[in-house]
N, C-alpha and C. Protein backbone atom coordinates (compact mmCIF):
# COMPACT_ATOMS: atom_id res chain seq x y z
N MET A 1 1.14 -1.17 0.09
CA MET A 1 0.07 -0.05 0.13
C MET A 1 0.93 1.35 -0.10
N ASP A 2 0.51 2.22 -0.90
CA ASP A 2 1.37 3.25 -1.16
C ASP A 2 0.42 4.50 -1.26
N LEU A 3 0.81 5.36 0.16
CA LEU A 3 -0.18 6.38 0.40
C LEU A 3 0.74 7.48 0.12
N SER A 4 2.00 7.84 -0.39
CA SER A 4 2.35 8.92 -0.44
C SER A 4 1.95 10.13 -0.85
N GLY A 5 2.41 11.41 -0.42
CA GLY A 5 2.34 12.91 -1.01
C GLY A 5 0.85 13.16 -1.03
N ASN A 6 0.29 12.63 0.13
CA ASN A 6 -1.37 12.78 -0.09
C ASN A 6 -1.75 13.96 1.32
N LYS A 7 -0.95 14.57 1.89
CA LYS A 7 -1.05 15.51 2.95
C LYS A 7 -1.88 14.91 4.10
N ILE A 8 -1.62 13.64 4.56
CA ILE A 8 -2.60 12.90 5.47
C ILE A 8 -1.58 13.35 6.77
N GLU A 9 -2.43 13.76 7.68
CA GLU A 9 -2.64 14.02 9.01
C GLU A 9 -2.46 13.10 10.10
N ASN A 10 -3.58 12.28 9.48
CA ASN A 10 -3.67 11.42 10.88
C ASN A 10 -4.24 9.77 10.12
N LEU A 11 -3.18 8.88 10.98
CA LEU A 11 -3.55 7.53 10.11
C LEU A 11 -4.57 6.99 11.29
N PRO A 12 -5.55 6.50 10.52
CA PRO A 12 -6.99 5.96 11.14
C PRO A 12 -6.14 4.49 12.02
N SER A 13 -7.15 4.51 13.36
CA SER A 13 -6.60 2.83 13.96
C SER A 13 -6.86 1.76 13.17
N VAL A 14 -8.18 2.19 12.12
CA VAL A 14 -8.48 0.93 11.36
C VAL A 14 -7.30 0.14 10.69
N ILE A 15 -6.21 1.09 10.49
CA ILE A 15 -5.06 0.44 9.64
C ILE A 15 -4.39 -1.34 10.42
N GLY A 16 -4.60 -1.05 11.49
CA GLY A 16 -4.46 -2.19 12.19
C GLY A 16 -5.33 -3.26 12.06
N GLN A 17 -6.08 -3.37 11.17
CA GLN A 17 -7.18 -4.35 10.92
C GLN A 17 -6.74 -4.87 9.47
N PHE A 18 -5.76 -4.56 8.76
CA PHE A 18 -4.77 -4.95 7.75
C PHE A 18 -3.81 -6.02 8.18
N ALA A 19 -4.25 -7.06 8.45
CA ALA A 19 -3.68 -8.06 9.06
C ALA A 19 -2.43 -8.57 8.16
N ALA A 20 -2.91 -8.70 7.07
CA ALA A 20 -1.81 -9.64 5.93
C ALA A 20 -0.84 -8.25 5.02
N LEU A 21 -0.86 -6.99 5.79
CA LEU A 21 -0.24 -5.70 4.92
C LEU A 21 1.06 -6.52 5.04
N LYS A 22 1.88 -6.01 3.85
CA LYS A 22 3.76 -6.39 4.02
C LYS A 22 4.25 -5.43 3.94
N SER A 23 3.64 -4.44 2.86
CA SER A 23 4.61 -3.11 3.02
C SER A 23 3.64 -1.76 2.97
N LEU A 24 4.08 -0.96 3.66
CA LEU A 24 2.92 0.56 3.85
C LEU A 24 4.07 1.57 3.63
N THR A 25 3.67 2.62 2.80
CA THR A 25 4.59 3.88 2.38
C THR A 25 3.73 5.14 2.26
N LEU A 26 4.37 5.84 3.45
CA LEU A 26 3.62 7.00 3.69
C LEU A 26 4.23 8.42 3.42
N ASN A 27 5.59 8.18 2.85
CA ASN A 27 6.32 9.19 2.40
C ASN A 27 5.52 10.78 2.28
N ASN A 28 6.33 11.77 2.46
CA ASN A 28 5.93 13.15 2.36
C ASN A 28 4.31 13.15 2.68
N ASN A 29 4.17 12.82 3.50
CA ASN A 29 2.65 13.47 4.36
C ASN A 29 2.74 14.60 5.23
N LYS A 30 1.93 14.44 6.35
CA LYS A 30 1.77 15.53 7.25
C LYS A 30 1.47 14.59 8.96
N LEU A 31 2.14 13.43 9.00
CA LEU A 31 1.89 12.62 10.21
C LEU A 31 2.65 13.12 11.19
N ALA A 32 1.82 13.57 12.47
CA ALA A 32 2.59 13.72 13.33
C ALA A 32 3.04 12.81 14.57
N VAL A 33 1.71 12.14 14.68
CA VAL A 33 1.43 10.93 15.40
C VAL A 33 1.36 9.52 14.63
N LEU A 34 1.38 8.20 15.09
CA LEU A 34 1.32 7.21 14.55
C LEU A 34 -0.04 6.52 15.69
N PRO A 35 -0.88 5.49 15.00
CA PRO A 35 -1.65 4.97 15.83
C PRO A 35 -1.32 3.92 16.85
N GLU A 36 -1.25 3.43 17.80
CA GLU A 36 -1.02 2.18 18.56
C GLU A 36 -1.38 0.98 17.86
N ASP A 37 -2.56 0.98 17.24
CA ASP A 37 -2.97 -0.12 16.29
C ASP A 37 -1.90 -0.60 15.42
N LEU A 38 -0.97 0.78 14.91
CA LEU A 38 -0.33 -0.10 13.99
C LEU A 38 0.68 -1.04 14.22
N GLY A 39 0.62 -1.30 15.56
CA GLY A 39 1.87 -2.51 15.99
C GLY A 39 0.69 -3.60 15.74
N LYS A 40 -0.20 -3.82 15.34
CA LYS A 40 -1.02 -5.51 15.03
C LYS A 40 -0.82 -5.73 13.91
N LEU A 41 0.27 -4.88 12.79
CA LEU A 41 0.62 -5.47 11.46
C LEU A 41 1.82 -6.30 11.54
N ARG A 42 1.53 -7.70 12.21
CA ARG A 42 2.19 -8.45 12.38
C ARG A 42 2.98 -9.11 11.29
N LYS A 43 2.27 -8.56 10.02
CA LYS A 43 3.05 -9.52 8.89
C LYS A 43 3.79 -8.44 8.32
N LEU A 44 4.07 -6.89 8.49
CA LEU A 44 4.35 -6.29 7.82
C LEU A 44 6.05 -6.16 7.63
N GLU A 45 6.78 -6.20 6.69
CA GLU A 45 8.07 -6.34 6.52
C GLU A 45 8.55 -4.69 6.03
N SER A 46 8.03 -4.11 5.34
CA SER A 46 8.67 -2.69 4.86
C SER A 46 7.36 -1.36 5.21
N LEU A 47 8.21 -0.69 5.97
CA LEU A 47 7.26 0.67 6.38
C LEU A 47 8.33 1.92 6.00
N HIS A 48 7.68 2.95 5.01
CA HIS A 48 8.27 3.94 4.67
C HIS A 48 7.77 5.08 5.01
N LEU A 49 8.31 5.98 5.90
CA LEU A 49 7.69 6.98 6.86
C LEU A 49 8.10 8.40 6.58
N CYS A 50 9.26 8.45 5.37
CA CYS A 50 9.92 9.44 5.19
C CYS A 50 9.14 10.88 4.49
N ALA A 51 9.94 12.05 5.51
CA ALA A 51 9.34 13.31 5.10
C ALA A 51 7.97 13.32 5.69
N ASN A 52 7.74 13.42 7.24
CA ASN A 52 6.34 13.43 7.81
C ASN A 52 7.01 14.64 9.19
N SER A 53 6.25 14.66 10.28
CA SER A 53 6.37 15.45 11.43
C SER A 53 6.51 14.52 12.45
N LEU A 54 7.38 13.20 12.43
CA LEU A 54 6.87 12.50 13.54
C LEU A 54 7.95 12.90 14.64
N LYS A 55 7.26 13.02 15.93
CA LYS A 55 8.90 13.27 17.20
C LYS A 55 8.84 11.82 17.86
N HIS A 56 7.98 10.92 17.81
CA HIS A 56 8.32 9.85 18.45
C HIS A 56 7.53 8.59 17.90
N LEU A 57 7.49 7.03 18.42
CA LEU A 57 6.80 6.32 17.73
C LEU A 57 6.00 5.83 18.73
N PRO A 58 4.74 4.98 18.43
CA PRO A 58 4.14 4.69 19.83
C PRO A 58 4.83 3.31 20.28
N SER A 59 4.35 3.33 21.44
CA SER A 59 5.10 2.09 22.59
C SER A 59 4.68 0.64 21.36
N SER A 60 3.80 0.53 20.73
CA SER A 60 3.27 -1.01 19.98
C SER A 60 4.21 -1.13 18.78
N PHE A 61 5.17 0.00 18.59
CA PHE A 61 6.04 -0.35 17.40
C PHE A 61 6.77 -1.72 17.74
N GLY A 62 7.20 -1.80 18.49
CA GLY A 62 8.16 -3.24 18.77
C GLY A 62 7.67 -4.60 18.52
N GLN A 63 6.25 -3.97 18.37
CA GLN A 63 5.17 -5.51 17.95
C GLN A 63 5.37 -5.88 16.47
N LEU A 64 6.07 -5.24 15.69
CA LEU A 64 6.04 -5.13 14.22
C LEU A 64 6.90 -6.20 14.11
N ALA A 65 6.68 -7.59 14.44
CA ALA A 65 7.74 -8.76 14.44
C ALA A 65 8.22 -8.89 13.18
N ALA A 66 7.79 -8.95 12.00
CA ALA A 66 8.19 -9.29 10.64
C ALA A 66 8.87 -8.07 10.11
N LEU A 67 9.12 -6.86 10.68
CA LEU A 67 9.61 -5.73 9.88
C LEU A 67 11.20 -5.93 9.96
N LYS A 68 11.58 -5.48 8.01
CA LYS A 68 12.71 -5.68 8.19
C LYS A 68 13.61 -4.30 7.28
N THR A 69 12.74 -3.70 7.19
CA THR A 69 13.21 -2.25 6.24
C THR A 69 12.59 -1.17 6.86
N LEU A 70 12.97 -0.52 7.65
CA LEU A 70 12.35 1.12 8.24
C LEU A 70 12.97 2.27 7.51
N SER A 71 12.15 2.96 6.97
CA SER A 71 12.55 4.59 6.77
C SER A 71 11.84 5.47 7.30
N LEU A 72 12.69 6.33 7.95
CA LEU A 72 12.15 7.45 8.93
C LEU A 72 12.87 8.75 8.69
N SER A 73 13.41 8.89 7.29
CA SER A 73 14.41 10.09 7.06
C SER A 73 13.62 11.27 7.16
N GLY A 74 14.00 12.24 7.73
CA GLY A 74 13.42 13.53 7.39
C GLY A 74 11.96 13.60 8.35
N ASN A 75 11.84 13.36 9.76
CA ASN A 75 11.32 13.31 10.47
C ASN A 75 11.60 14.55 11.53
N ARG A 76 11.12 14.58 12.66
CA ARG A 76 11.71 15.55 14.01
C ARG A 76 11.93 14.41 15.05
N LEU A 77 12.37 13.51 15.02
CA LEU A 77 12.89 12.55 16.08
C LEU A 77 14.01 13.28 16.86
N ARG A 78 13.65 13.27 18.42
CA ARG A 78 14.98 14.20 19.10
C ARG A 78 15.77 12.80 19.56
N GLU A 79 15.07 11.63 19.64
CA GLU A 79 15.71 10.32 20.52
C GLU A 79 15.63 8.93 19.52
N PHE A 80 16.58 8.47 19.83
CA PHE A 80 16.60 7.31 19.02
C PHE A 80 15.47 6.09 19.92
N PRO A 81 14.59 6.01 18.95
CA PRO A 81 13.41 4.83 19.06
C PRO A 81 13.83 3.59 19.56
N LEU A 82 13.78 3.35 21.10
CA LEU A 82 13.99 2.20 21.50
C LEU A 82 13.35 0.87 21.33
N GLN A 83 12.08 1.50 20.73
CA GLN A 83 11.29 0.29 20.27
C GLN A 83 11.56 -0.70 19.02
N LEU A 84 12.55 -0.07 18.41
CA LEU A 84 13.35 -0.92 17.45
C LEU A 84 14.28 -1.93 17.85
N CYS A 85 14.62 -1.76 19.03
CA CYS A 85 15.51 -2.82 19.88
C CYS A 85 14.64 -4.20 19.80
N GLN A 86 13.41 -3.93 19.86
CA GLN A 86 12.75 -5.04 20.28
C GLN A 86 12.36 -5.94 18.67
N LEU A 87 12.97 -5.59 17.72
CA LEU A 87 12.45 -6.14 16.53
C LEU A 87 13.44 -7.25 16.33
N ARG A 88 13.32 -8.26 15.74
CA ARG A 88 14.44 -9.25 15.80
C ARG A 88 14.84 -9.59 14.37
N HIS A 89 13.85 -8.91 13.52
CA HIS A 89 14.05 -9.23 11.77
C HIS A 89 14.80 -7.84 11.30
N LEU A 90 14.82 -7.18 11.89
CA LEU A 90 14.99 -5.59 11.31
C LEU A 90 16.39 -5.56 10.45
N ASP A 91 16.58 -5.21 9.25
CA ASP A 91 17.93 -5.57 8.63
C ASP A 91 18.32 -3.83 8.11
N VAL A 92 17.39 -2.81 7.73
CA VAL A 92 18.14 -1.78 7.16
C VAL A 92 16.92 -0.72 8.23
N VAL A 93 17.54 0.23 9.08
CA VAL A 93 17.22 1.43 9.34
C VAL A 93 17.90 3.16 9.14
N ASP A 94 16.67 3.36 8.11
CA ASP A 94 17.13 4.80 7.81
C ASP A 94 16.56 5.62 9.22
N LEU A 95 17.32 6.34 9.62
CA LEU A 95 16.80 7.47 10.78
C LEU A 95 17.48 9.01 9.99
N SER A 96 18.08 8.74 8.80
CA SER A 96 18.66 10.13 8.79
C SER A 96 17.84 11.53 8.64
N LYS A 97 18.05 12.60 8.48
CA LYS A 97 17.45 14.02 8.55
C LYS A 97 16.70 14.08 9.91
N ASN A 98 17.32 13.89 11.05
CA ASN A 98 16.26 14.02 11.95
C ASN A 98 17.06 14.92 13.07
N GLN A 99 16.51 14.80 14.43
CA GLN A 99 17.26 15.71 15.34
C GLN A 99 18.18 15.34 16.72
N ILE A 100 18.36 13.67 16.09
CA ILE A 100 18.55 12.75 17.20
C ILE A 100 19.93 13.28 17.68
N GLN A 101 20.00 13.57 18.94
CA GLN A 101 21.56 14.05 19.63
C GLN A 101 22.36 12.74 20.13
N ARG A 102 21.96 11.60 20.07
CA ARG A 102 22.79 10.98 20.94
C ARG A 102 22.51 9.30 20.71
N LEU A 103 23.33 8.46 20.66
CA LEU A 103 22.72 6.68 20.46
C LEU A 103 23.11 6.52 21.74
N PRO A 104 21.97 5.48 22.72
CA PRO A 104 22.08 5.47 23.92
C PRO A 104 22.88 3.95 24.27
N ASP A 105 22.98 3.66 25.28
CA ASP A 105 23.14 2.20 25.60
C ASP A 105 22.52 1.29 25.30
N ASP A 106 20.80 1.39 25.37
CA ASP A 106 20.23 0.14 24.95
C ASP A 106 20.18 -0.23 23.52
N LEU A 107 20.91 0.66 22.84
CA LEU A 107 21.09 0.42 21.26
C LEU A 107 21.86 -1.01 21.05
N GLU A 108 22.62 -1.71 21.99
CA GLU A 108 23.24 -2.97 21.63
C GLU A 108 22.31 -3.87 21.56
N GLN A 109 21.05 -3.56 22.17
CA GLN A 109 20.07 -4.99 21.36
C GLN A 109 19.66 -4.65 19.90
N LEU A 110 19.95 -3.74 19.36
CA LEU A 110 19.53 -3.54 18.20
C LEU A 110 19.68 -4.75 17.10
N GLN A 111 18.75 -5.24 16.25
CA GLN A 111 19.42 -6.57 15.37
C GLN A 111 19.76 -5.97 14.07
N ALA A 112 19.96 -4.74 13.65
CA ALA A 112 19.57 -4.36 12.48
C ALA A 112 21.12 -4.37 11.62
N ILE A 113 20.98 -4.78 10.40
CA ILE A 113 22.74 -4.70 9.66
C ILE A 113 23.17 -3.27 9.48
N GLU A 114 21.96 -2.44 8.80
CA GLU A 114 22.67 -1.14 8.56
C GLU A 114 22.01 -0.34 9.07
N LEU A 115 22.83 0.75 9.99
CA LEU A 115 21.78 2.04 10.46
C LEU A 115 22.28 3.13 9.66
N ASN A 116 21.38 4.14 9.54
CA ASN A 116 22.01 5.37 9.09
C ASN A 116 21.11 6.50 9.82
N VAL A 117 22.10 6.97 10.39
CA VAL A 117 21.94 8.31 11.23
C VAL A 117 22.55 9.69 10.81
N ASN A 118 22.82 9.92 9.26
CA ASN A 118 23.22 11.05 8.93
C ASN A 118 22.41 11.80 9.17
N GLN A 119 22.97 13.24 9.36
CA GLN A 119 22.31 14.46 9.02
C GLN A 119 21.31 14.63 10.18
N ASN A 120 21.82 14.21 11.44
CA ASN A 120 21.30 14.40 12.55
C ASN A 120 22.07 15.39 13.87
N GLN A 121 21.94 15.42 14.68
CA GLN A 121 23.03 16.26 15.86
C GLN A 121 23.48 15.36 16.71
N ILE A 122 24.10 14.29 16.24
CA ILE A 122 24.58 13.55 17.36
C ILE A 122 25.90 13.60 17.75
N SER A 123 26.26 13.54 19.12
CA SER A 123 27.44 14.26 19.36
C SER A 123 27.89 13.00 20.63
N GLN A 124 26.78 11.97 20.91
CA GLN A 124 27.40 11.20 21.71
C GLN A 124 27.14 9.63 21.30
N ILE A 125 28.24 8.59 21.48
CA ILE A 125 27.73 7.42 21.17
C ILE A 125 28.24 6.52 22.28
N SER A 126 27.08 5.56 22.74
CA SER A 126 27.43 4.99 23.58
C SER A 126 28.89 3.70 22.98
N PRO A 127 29.67 3.25 23.93
CA PRO A 127 30.70 2.57 23.19
C PRO A 127 29.65 0.77 23.07
N ARG A 128 28.66 1.02 23.81
CA ARG A 128 28.09 -0.46 23.51
C ARG A 128 27.32 -0.61 22.30
N ILE A 129 27.46 0.11 21.49
CA ILE A 129 26.78 0.20 19.96
C ILE A 129 27.62 -0.97 19.74
N SER A 130 29.02 -1.13 20.06
CA SER A 130 29.64 -2.27 19.44
C SER A 130 28.99 -3.51 19.90
N HIS A 131 28.60 -3.60 20.72
CA HIS A 131 28.02 -5.07 21.27
C HIS A 131 26.59 -5.28 20.24
N CYS A 132 26.12 -4.54 19.19
CA CYS A 132 25.10 -4.92 18.19
C CYS A 132 25.78 -6.16 17.57
N PRO A 133 24.71 -7.41 17.59
CA PRO A 133 25.34 -8.45 17.07
C PRO A 133 25.59 -8.65 15.41
N ARG A 134 24.55 -7.99 14.85
CA ARG A 134 24.19 -7.98 13.21
C ARG A 134 24.92 -6.77 12.65
N LEU A 135 25.22 -5.52 13.48
CA LEU A 135 25.47 -4.08 12.73
C LEU A 135 27.00 -4.41 12.06
N LYS A 136 26.73 -4.06 10.51
CA LYS A 136 27.66 -4.33 9.82
C LYS A 136 27.97 -2.71 9.27
N VAL A 137 26.89 -2.08 9.11
CA VAL A 137 27.21 -0.68 8.36
C VAL A 137 26.68 0.37 9.22
N LEU A 138 27.45 1.45 9.60
CA LEU A 138 27.04 2.80 10.18
C LEU A 138 27.34 3.78 9.90
N ARG A 139 26.21 4.46 9.28
CA ARG A 139 26.17 5.73 8.52
C ARG A 139 26.12 7.03 9.37
N MET A 140 27.02 7.61 10.01
CA MET A 140 27.09 8.84 10.70
C MET A 140 27.34 10.09 10.05
N GLU A 141 27.22 10.76 9.07
CA GLU A 141 27.92 11.57 8.28
C GLU A 141 27.32 13.02 8.77
N GLU A 142 28.02 14.18 8.77
CA GLU A 142 27.23 15.33 9.05
C GLU A 142 26.24 15.43 10.27
N ASN A 143 27.13 15.08 11.26
CA ASN A 143 26.43 15.29 12.55
C ASN A 143 27.42 16.13 13.12
N CYS A 144 27.75 15.99 14.89
CA CYS A 144 28.15 16.96 15.12
C CYS A 144 29.45 16.29 16.29
N LEU A 145 29.74 15.12 15.85
CA LEU A 145 30.75 14.29 16.64
C LEU A 145 32.29 15.38 16.37
N GLU A 146 32.82 15.04 17.50
CA GLU A 146 34.31 15.44 17.93
C GLU A 146 35.00 13.84 17.82
N ILE A 147 36.03 13.72 17.18
CA ILE A 147 37.37 12.80 17.30
C ILE A 147 37.08 11.98 18.40
N SER A 148 36.94 12.61 19.56
CA SER A 148 36.93 11.75 21.00
C SER A 148 35.77 11.12 21.49
N MET A 149 34.65 11.44 20.85
CA MET A 149 33.59 10.75 20.99
C MET A 149 33.32 9.63 20.12
N ILE A 150 34.36 9.15 19.41
CA ILE A 150 34.04 7.97 18.61
C ILE A 150 34.66 6.73 19.41
N PRO A 151 33.75 5.90 19.85
CA PRO A 151 34.20 4.73 20.73
C PRO A 151 35.58 3.98 19.94
N ILE A 152 36.55 3.34 21.05
CA ILE A 152 37.33 2.62 20.25
C ILE A 152 37.00 1.35 19.92
N SER A 153 35.89 0.80 20.69
CA SER A 153 35.38 -0.40 20.53
C SER A 153 34.75 -0.56 19.17
N ILE A 154 34.13 0.28 18.84
CA ILE A 154 33.49 0.09 17.45
C ILE A 154 34.50 -0.01 16.63
N LEU A 155 35.91 0.35 16.45
CA LEU A 155 36.47 0.22 15.54
C LEU A 155 37.34 -1.25 16.00
N ALA A 156 37.59 -1.29 17.16
CA ALA A 156 38.29 -2.89 17.35
C ALA A 156 37.68 -4.05 17.82
N ASP A 157 36.13 -3.82 18.39
CA ASP A 157 35.48 -4.98 18.88
C ASP A 157 34.04 -5.34 18.17
N SER A 158 33.97 -4.53 17.41
CA SER A 158 32.12 -4.93 16.58
C SER A 158 32.56 -5.40 15.01
N GLN A 159 31.12 -5.51 14.69
CA GLN A 159 30.73 -6.27 13.79
C GLN A 159 31.37 -5.22 12.37
N ILE A 160 31.16 -4.16 12.58
CA ILE A 160 30.94 -2.85 11.79
C ILE A 160 32.02 -2.91 10.41
N CYS A 161 31.87 -3.09 9.41
CA CYS A 161 32.92 -2.85 8.23
C CYS A 161 32.93 -1.81 7.43
N LEU A 162 31.95 -1.01 7.46
CA LEU A 162 31.47 0.02 6.78
C LEU A 162 30.99 1.40 7.96
N LEU A 163 31.95 2.12 8.10
CA LEU A 163 31.61 3.05 8.89
C LEU A 163 32.12 4.49 8.19
N ALA A 164 30.65 5.14 8.39
CA ALA A 164 30.92 6.60 7.31
C ALA A 164 30.64 8.00 8.38
N LEU A 165 31.76 8.55 8.26
CA LEU A 165 31.70 9.55 9.17
C LEU A 165 32.07 11.03 8.92
N GLU A 166 32.04 11.17 7.37
CA GLU A 166 32.46 12.34 6.92
C GLU A 166 31.71 13.52 7.54
N GLY A 167 31.79 14.79 7.24
CA GLY A 167 31.19 15.83 7.74
C GLY A 167 30.91 16.14 9.03
N ASN A 168 31.54 15.44 9.97
CA ASN A 168 31.83 15.85 11.36
C ASN A 168 32.71 16.79 11.96
N LEU A 169 32.79 17.00 13.30
CA LEU A 169 33.85 18.18 13.60
C LEU A 169 35.32 17.76 13.64
N PHE A 170 35.43 16.86 12.85
CA PHE A 170 36.98 16.71 12.49
C PHE A 170 37.71 16.35 11.32
N GLU A 171 38.74 16.21 11.38
CA GLU A 171 39.13 15.51 9.86
C GLU A 171 39.36 14.27 9.95
N ILE A 172 38.74 13.73 8.83
CA ILE A 172 38.30 11.80 8.53
C ILE A 172 39.72 11.17 8.37
N ARG A 173 40.71 12.06 8.34
CA ARG A 173 42.02 11.06 8.06
C ARG A 173 42.61 11.01 9.54
N LYS A 174 41.79 11.78 10.86
CA LYS A 174 42.45 11.29 12.19
C LYS A 174 41.92 10.38 12.66
N LEU A 175 40.81 9.47 12.22
CA LEU A 175 40.57 8.33 12.34
C LEU A 175 41.69 7.53 12.29
N ARG A 176 42.53 7.52 11.40
CA ARG A 176 43.37 6.44 11.13
C ARG A 176 44.46 6.24 12.67
N ASP A 177 44.28 7.77 13.45
CA ASP A 177 45.43 7.46 14.68
C ASP A 177 44.58 6.88 15.74
N LEU A 178 43.57 6.52 15.56
CA LEU A 178 42.98 5.54 16.85
C LEU A 178 43.22 4.38 17.07
N GLU A 179 43.18 4.08 18.23
CA GLU A 179 43.40 2.16 18.57
C GLU A 179 42.24 1.62 18.10
N GLY A 180 42.60 0.92 17.30
CA GLY A 180 41.91 -0.15 16.80
C GLY A 180 41.21 0.10 15.41
N TYR A 181 41.99 1.04 14.77
CA TYR A 181 41.72 1.53 13.43
C TYR A 181 42.23 0.05 12.40
N ASP A 182 43.32 -0.37 12.58
CA ASP A 182 43.48 -1.50 11.68
C ASP A 182 42.87 -2.45 11.93
N GLN A 183 42.06 -2.80 13.21
CA GLN A 183 41.49 -3.71 12.90
C GLN A 183 39.88 -3.80 12.12
N TYR A 184 39.49 -2.40 11.98
CA TYR A 184 38.44 -2.02 11.64
C TYR A 184 38.63 -2.19 10.03
N MET A 185 39.84 -1.50 9.27
CA MET A 185 40.19 -1.83 8.20
C MET A 185 40.44 -2.82 7.38
N GLU A 186 40.92 -4.17 8.67
CA GLU A 186 40.82 -5.62 7.97
C GLU A 186 39.45 -5.92 7.63
N ARG A 187 38.33 -5.40 8.37
CA ARG A 187 37.01 -5.91 8.10
C ARG A 187 36.72 -5.21 7.12
N PHE A 188 36.90 -4.36 6.64
CA PHE A 188 36.11 -3.33 5.52
C PHE A 188 37.00 -3.99 4.35
N THR A 189 38.28 -4.04 4.55
CA THR A 189 39.16 -4.94 3.30
C THR A 189 38.26 -6.26 2.90
N ALA A 190 38.12 -7.11 3.92
CA ALA A 190 37.95 -8.27 3.82
C ALA A 190 36.47 -8.35 2.90
N THR A 191 35.61 -7.60 3.48
CA THR A 191 34.22 -7.19 3.00
C THR A 191 34.09 -6.72 1.48
N LYS A 192 35.00 -6.00 1.36
CA LYS A 192 35.01 -5.45 0.03
C LYS A 192 35.76 -6.52 -1.11
N LYS A 193 36.67 -7.26 -0.44
CA LYS A 193 36.96 -8.44 -1.55
C LYS A 193 35.54 -9.77 -1.80
N LYS A 194 35.03 -9.48 -0.58
CA LYS A 194 33.84 -10.67 -1.22
C LYS A 194 32.93 -9.92 -2.08
N PHE A 195 32.72 -8.90 -2.26
CA PHE A 195 31.82 -8.04 -3.33
C PHE A 195 32.94 -7.84 -4.63
N THR A 196 34.12 -7.88 -4.90
CA THR A 196 34.46 -7.65 -6.12
C THR A 196 35.32 -8.55 -6.88
């Protein structure tokens, strides 16, 4: 179901009755809140809510058990939505172009393979993000990060093999001076070889 570009301000709770729905796209609308009944879409695999006015997600969001792809780019989220950490099949999360200021400790439970938080206001990252069991791609371009805020564990002890940090408050070449950079480059190179 694609309802993009319709100036929709409210998603009716009847959406919860579409039990077999696998894909829902509501990009470029005027949604400020989502109904709790959205959590009833247990077969939903793909949800796109880019360019709306969402400030938070309903608590039922963690019940979207089949969700694999989530796009929330261009909203007004100030905090990382921790409901996402309950979703066991999540592969790709796009939270770019929001107002998120930090990546918290609880993020270690996130199951996603790729997390995009480009163009937020992130100045703090919990070192526990390195515990994310499946996270391979972490995009944090154009945020408010100082080099001192990059946890060594992301480089040395994580599964992350693509770390995008351009456009922060340091020169990207300074990453090479950090402890753990060599381990990160080994993962990066090994992954690159797989795909060439």
